[in-house]
Amino acid sequence: KKIRMERILDRNSGKTVIIPMDHGVTVGPVIGLINMQETIRSVALGGANAIVMHKGLVETALKNRGGMGLVLHLSASTQIAIDPNSKTLVCTVEEAIQLGADAISIHINLGAEEEKSMLRDLGAVSKVAMEWGMPLLAMMYVKTHKGEDENDVKIVKHAARLGAELGADIVKVPYTGSPESFREVVEGCFVPVVIAGGRKVKTDQ
């Protein structure tokens, strides 16, 4: 697992830039995800540490990903669904190993109607990942219907800690809006934390 983790995280700094390319399943072939060979080549040249994608893209990625690590995404849903927040497993840890992945990822939407099913999947996937020494990235989001701010530090640090306690080696969560508030998220989580991408903003804060 340590060898594989170093293909995802920079071994000296412990930092990483992971580019998600799994959105074609969720929203279809949007701009930037049409010519995948070109996109993957550009991301590699830009210096990303790793990419996240579904199993059907692996052959395309193999030709163009250079030294980037490969994270195979195991869960999916579409915006066409009655409940797009309900993720289901569409790949296994064993498939990821057979395809040469360096890590796997799974998406969990806390607060969604199918939360318990997604947590069950996280627990089951983390068990198999531990057996194979495969790093697990848990994408932890909160989709509440109670009016809470889904980027609130209290909610985000709970999501991060939950992912770690259920076996994730890296957790991905939304940004809480400031370095000071996000420090609470990192301090409350005992595995590496990465910030989810979002809309382009004017500053890096």
Protein backbone atom coordinates (compact mmCIF):
# COMPACT_ATOMS: atom_id res chain seq x y z
CA LYS A 1 0.00 0.00 0.00
CA LYS A 2 2.84 2.43 0.79
CA ILE A 3 4.34 1.91 -2.67
CA ARG A 4 0.99 2.59 -4.30
CA MET A 5 0.33 5.64 -2.12
CA GLU A 6 3.55 7.21 -3.39
CA ARG A 7 2.11 7.08 -6.90
CA ILE A 8 -0.76 9.27 -5.66
CA LEU A 9 0.89 11.54 -3.07
CA ASP A 10 4.23 13.31 -3.52
CA ARG A 11 6.63 11.33 -1.33
CA ASN A 12 8.51 14.44 -0.16
CA SER A 13 5.76 16.97 0.45
CA GLY A 14 2.84 14.62 1.07
CA LYS A 15 0.77 16.88 -1.20
CA THR A 16 -1.12 15.93 -4.33
CA VAL A 17 -3.19 17.23 -7.23
CA ILE A 18 -5.69 14.61 -8.37
CA ILE A 19 -7.79 15.36 -11.45
CA PRO A 20 -11.27 13.75 -11.52
CA MET A 21 -12.35 12.52 -14.94
CA ASP A 22 -15.34 10.46 -13.87
CA HIS A 23 -17.95 13.09 -14.74
CA GLY A 24 -18.74 11.56 -18.13
CA VAL A 25 -20.81 8.96 -16.29
CA THR A 26 -22.67 11.58 -14.27
CA VAL A 27 -23.32 14.28 -16.88
CA GLY A 28 -22.18 12.84 -20.21
CA PRO A 29 -19.53 14.05 -22.69
CA VAL A 30 -19.34 17.70 -21.64
CA ILE A 31 -16.69 20.12 -22.92
CA GLY A 32 -13.27 18.92 -21.76
CA LEU A 33 -14.38 15.29 -21.58
CA ILE A 34 -14.92 14.63 -25.26
CA ASN A 35 -11.40 14.05 -26.59
CA MET A 36 -10.12 12.16 -23.58
CA GLN A 37 -6.70 11.40 -25.01
CA GLU A 38 -6.04 15.11 -25.46
CA THR A 39 -7.40 15.96 -22.00
CA ILE A 40 -5.35 13.30 -20.26
CA ARG A 41 -2.21 14.34 -22.13
CA SER A 42 -2.76 17.99 -21.12
CA VAL A 43 -3.31 17.07 -17.48
CA ALA A 44 -0.12 14.99 -17.47
CA LEU A 45 1.87 17.85 -18.96
CA GLY A 46 0.39 20.17 -16.33
CA GLY A 47 2.00 18.15 -13.58
CA ALA A 48 -0.94 16.43 -11.89
CA ASN A 49 -0.08 13.56 -9.55
CA ALA A 50 -3.01 11.32 -10.46
CA ILE A 51 -6.30 11.03 -12.31
CA VAL A 52 -9.63 9.48 -11.29
CA MET A 53 -11.67 7.64 -13.91
CA HIS A 54 -14.03 4.77 -14.57
CA LYS A 55 -12.83 1.41 -15.84
CA GLY A 56 -13.83 1.94 -19.47
CA LEU A 57 -11.36 4.82 -19.86
CA VAL A 58 -8.29 2.98 -18.63
CA GLU A 59 -7.08 1.88 -22.07
CA THR A 60 -7.29 5.47 -23.30
CA ALA A 61 -5.47 6.75 -20.23
CA LEU A 62 -2.68 4.19 -20.52
CA LYS A 63 -1.38 5.81 -23.71
CA ASN A 64 -1.26 9.35 -22.38
CA ARG A 65 -0.99 9.50 -18.60
CA GLY A 66 2.79 9.58 -18.37
CA GLY A 67 3.85 9.20 -14.73
CA MET A 68 0.47 10.05 -13.23
CA GLY A 69 -1.10 7.64 -10.80
CA LEU A 70 -4.38 5.97 -11.73
CA VAL A 71 -7.32 5.99 -9.30
CA LEU A 72 -10.19 3.81 -10.46
CA HIS A 73 -13.62 5.05 -9.39
CA LEU A 74 -15.93 2.30 -8.13
CA SER A 75 -19.24 4.14 -7.72
CA ALA A 76 -21.63 5.94 -10.04
CA SER A 77 -24.94 7.71 -10.55
CA THR A 78 -26.36 9.95 -13.27
CA GLN A 79 -28.09 13.31 -13.29
CA ILE A 80 -30.96 11.55 -15.08
CA ALA A 81 -31.79 9.51 -11.97
CA ILE A 82 -34.70 10.30 -9.66
CA ASP A 83 -32.07 10.59 -6.90
CA PRO A 84 -28.68 11.54 -8.41
CA ASN A 85 -27.19 11.54 -4.90
CA SER A 86 -27.64 7.78 -4.58
CA LYS A 87 -24.37 6.16 -5.66
CA THR A 88 -24.07 2.49 -6.56
CA LEU A 89 -21.01 0.29 -7.01
CA VAL A 90 -20.15 -0.40 -10.66
CA CYS A 91 -16.64 -1.83 -10.25
CA THR A 92 -14.72 -3.95 -7.75
CA VAL A 93 -11.34 -3.74 -6.06
CA GLU A 94 -10.25 -6.86 -7.94
CA GLU A 95 -11.16 -5.29 -11.30
CA ALA A 96 -9.13 -2.21 -10.38
CA ILE A 97 -6.11 -4.38 -9.59
CA GLN A 98 -6.48 -6.26 -12.88
CA LEU A 99 -6.59 -2.94 -14.74
CA GLY A 100 -3.37 -1.75 -13.12
CA ALA A 101 -4.85 0.94 -10.87
CA ASP A 102 -2.73 2.45 -8.12
CA ALA A 103 -5.74 3.25 -5.91
CA ILE A 104 -9.52 3.14 -5.86
CA SER A 105 -12.15 5.72 -4.97
CA ILE A 106 -15.75 5.68 -3.82
CA HIS A 107 -18.26 8.53 -3.52
CA ILE A 108 -20.45 8.90 -0.42
CA ASN A 109 -23.27 11.43 -0.06
CA LEU A 110 -24.09 11.80 3.62
CA GLY A 111 -27.61 12.95 4.31
CA ALA A 112 -28.96 11.40 1.12
CA GLU A 113 -31.86 8.99 1.35
CA GLU A 114 -29.57 6.06 0.54
CA GLU A 115 -26.87 7.08 3.02
CA LYS A 116 -26.94 3.72 4.81
CA SER A 117 -26.41 1.82 1.56
CA MET A 118 -23.45 4.01 0.59
CA LEU A 119 -21.92 3.62 4.05
CA ARG A 120 -22.37 -0.14 3.77
CA ASP A 121 -20.56 -0.02 0.42
CA LEU A 122 -17.74 2.04 1.92
CA GLY A 123 -17.28 -0.47 4.71
CA ALA A 124 -17.30 -3.43 2.32
CA VAL A 125 -14.92 -1.80 -0.16
CA SER A 126 -12.49 -0.74 2.57
CA LYS A 127 -12.37 -4.32 3.86
CA VAL A 128 -11.38 -5.70 0.45
CA ALA A 129 -8.98 -2.82 -0.16
CA MET A 130 -7.20 -3.59 3.12
CA GLU A 131 -6.86 -7.23 2.13
CA TRP A 132 -5.19 -6.30 -1.16
CA GLY A 133 -3.11 -3.39 0.12
CA MET A 134 -4.95 -1.02 -2.20
CA PRO A 135 -5.22 2.66 -1.18
CA LEU A 136 -8.80 3.92 -0.87
CA LEU A 137 -9.87 7.50 -1.57
CA ALA A 138 -13.27 8.30 -0.06
CA MET A 139 -15.07 11.28 -1.60
CA MET A 140 -17.16 12.50 1.31
CA TYR A 141 -19.93 14.98 0.61
CA VAL A 142 -22.98 16.07 2.59
CA LYS A 143 -26.32 16.49 0.81
CA THR A 144 -28.68 17.61 3.52
CA HIS A 145 -32.30 18.63 3.18
CA LYS A 146 -32.28 20.45 6.51
CA GLY A 147 -30.96 23.79 5.34
CA GLU A 148 -27.41 23.42 6.65
CA ASP A 149 -24.44 24.88 4.79
CA GLU A 150 -22.80 21.83 3.20
CA ASN A 151 -19.41 23.62 3.40
CA ASP A 152 -19.76 24.40 7.10
CA VAL A 153 -16.64 23.33 8.96
CA LYS A 154 -18.60 21.27 11.52
CA ILE A 155 -20.25 19.23 8.76
CA VAL A 156 -17.12 18.87 6.64
CA LYS A 157 -14.88 17.74 9.48
CA HIS A 158 -17.50 15.17 10.49
CA ALA A 159 -17.57 13.85 6.91
CA ALA A 160 -13.77 13.65 6.76
CA ARG A 161 -13.50 11.86 10.09
CA LEU A 162 -16.25 9.41 9.10
CA GLY A 163 -14.41 8.45 5.90
CA ALA A 164 -11.17 7.85 7.78
CA GLU A 165 -12.83 5.84 10.55
CA LEU A 166 -14.48 3.55 7.99
CA GLY A 167 -11.15 2.71 6.39
CA ALA A 168 -10.25 5.36 3.81
CA ASP A 169 -6.56 6.13 3.31
CA ILE A 170 -7.31 9.56 1.81
CA VAL A 171 -10.50 11.59 2.14
CA LYS A 172 -11.78 14.24 -0.27
CA VAL A 173 -14.10 16.91 1.09
CA PRO A 174 -15.39 20.35 0.07
CA TYR A 175 -13.44 23.47 1.04
CA THR A 176 -14.74 25.27 4.10
CA GLY A 177 -13.91 28.76 2.84
CA SER A 178 -10.71 29.67 4.65
CA PRO A 179 -7.36 28.13 5.60
CA GLU A 180 -8.20 28.61 9.30
CA SER A 181 -11.48 26.70 9.14
CA PHE A 182 -10.06 23.97 6.93
CA ARG A 183 -7.25 23.46 9.43
CA GLU A 184 -9.91 22.14 11.80
CA VAL A 185 -10.89 19.54 9.19
CA VAL A 186 -7.29 18.38 8.80
CA GLU A 187 -6.62 18.33 12.54
CA GLY A 188 -9.73 16.21 13.12
CA CYS A 189 -8.75 13.61 10.54
CA PHE A 190 -5.88 11.16 10.92
CA VAL A 191 -5.39 10.42 7.19
CA PRO A 192 -4.46 12.81 4.35
CA VAL A 193 -7.24 15.21 3.32
CA VAL A 194 -7.66 16.62 -0.19
CA ILE A 195 -9.93 19.49 -1.18
CA ALA A 196 -12.64 18.90 -3.76
CA GLY A 197 -12.58 21.12 -6.83
CA GLY A 198 -15.30 23.65 -7.41
CA ARG A 199 -16.21 26.66 -9.44
CA LYS A 200 -13.40 28.97 -10.54
CA VAL A 201 -12.92 31.85 -8.11
CA LYS A 202 -10.87 35.05 -8.16
CA THR A 203 -8.45 34.11 -5.39
CA ASP A 204 -6.73 30.98 -4.07
CA GLN A 205 -8.24 31.47 -0.59
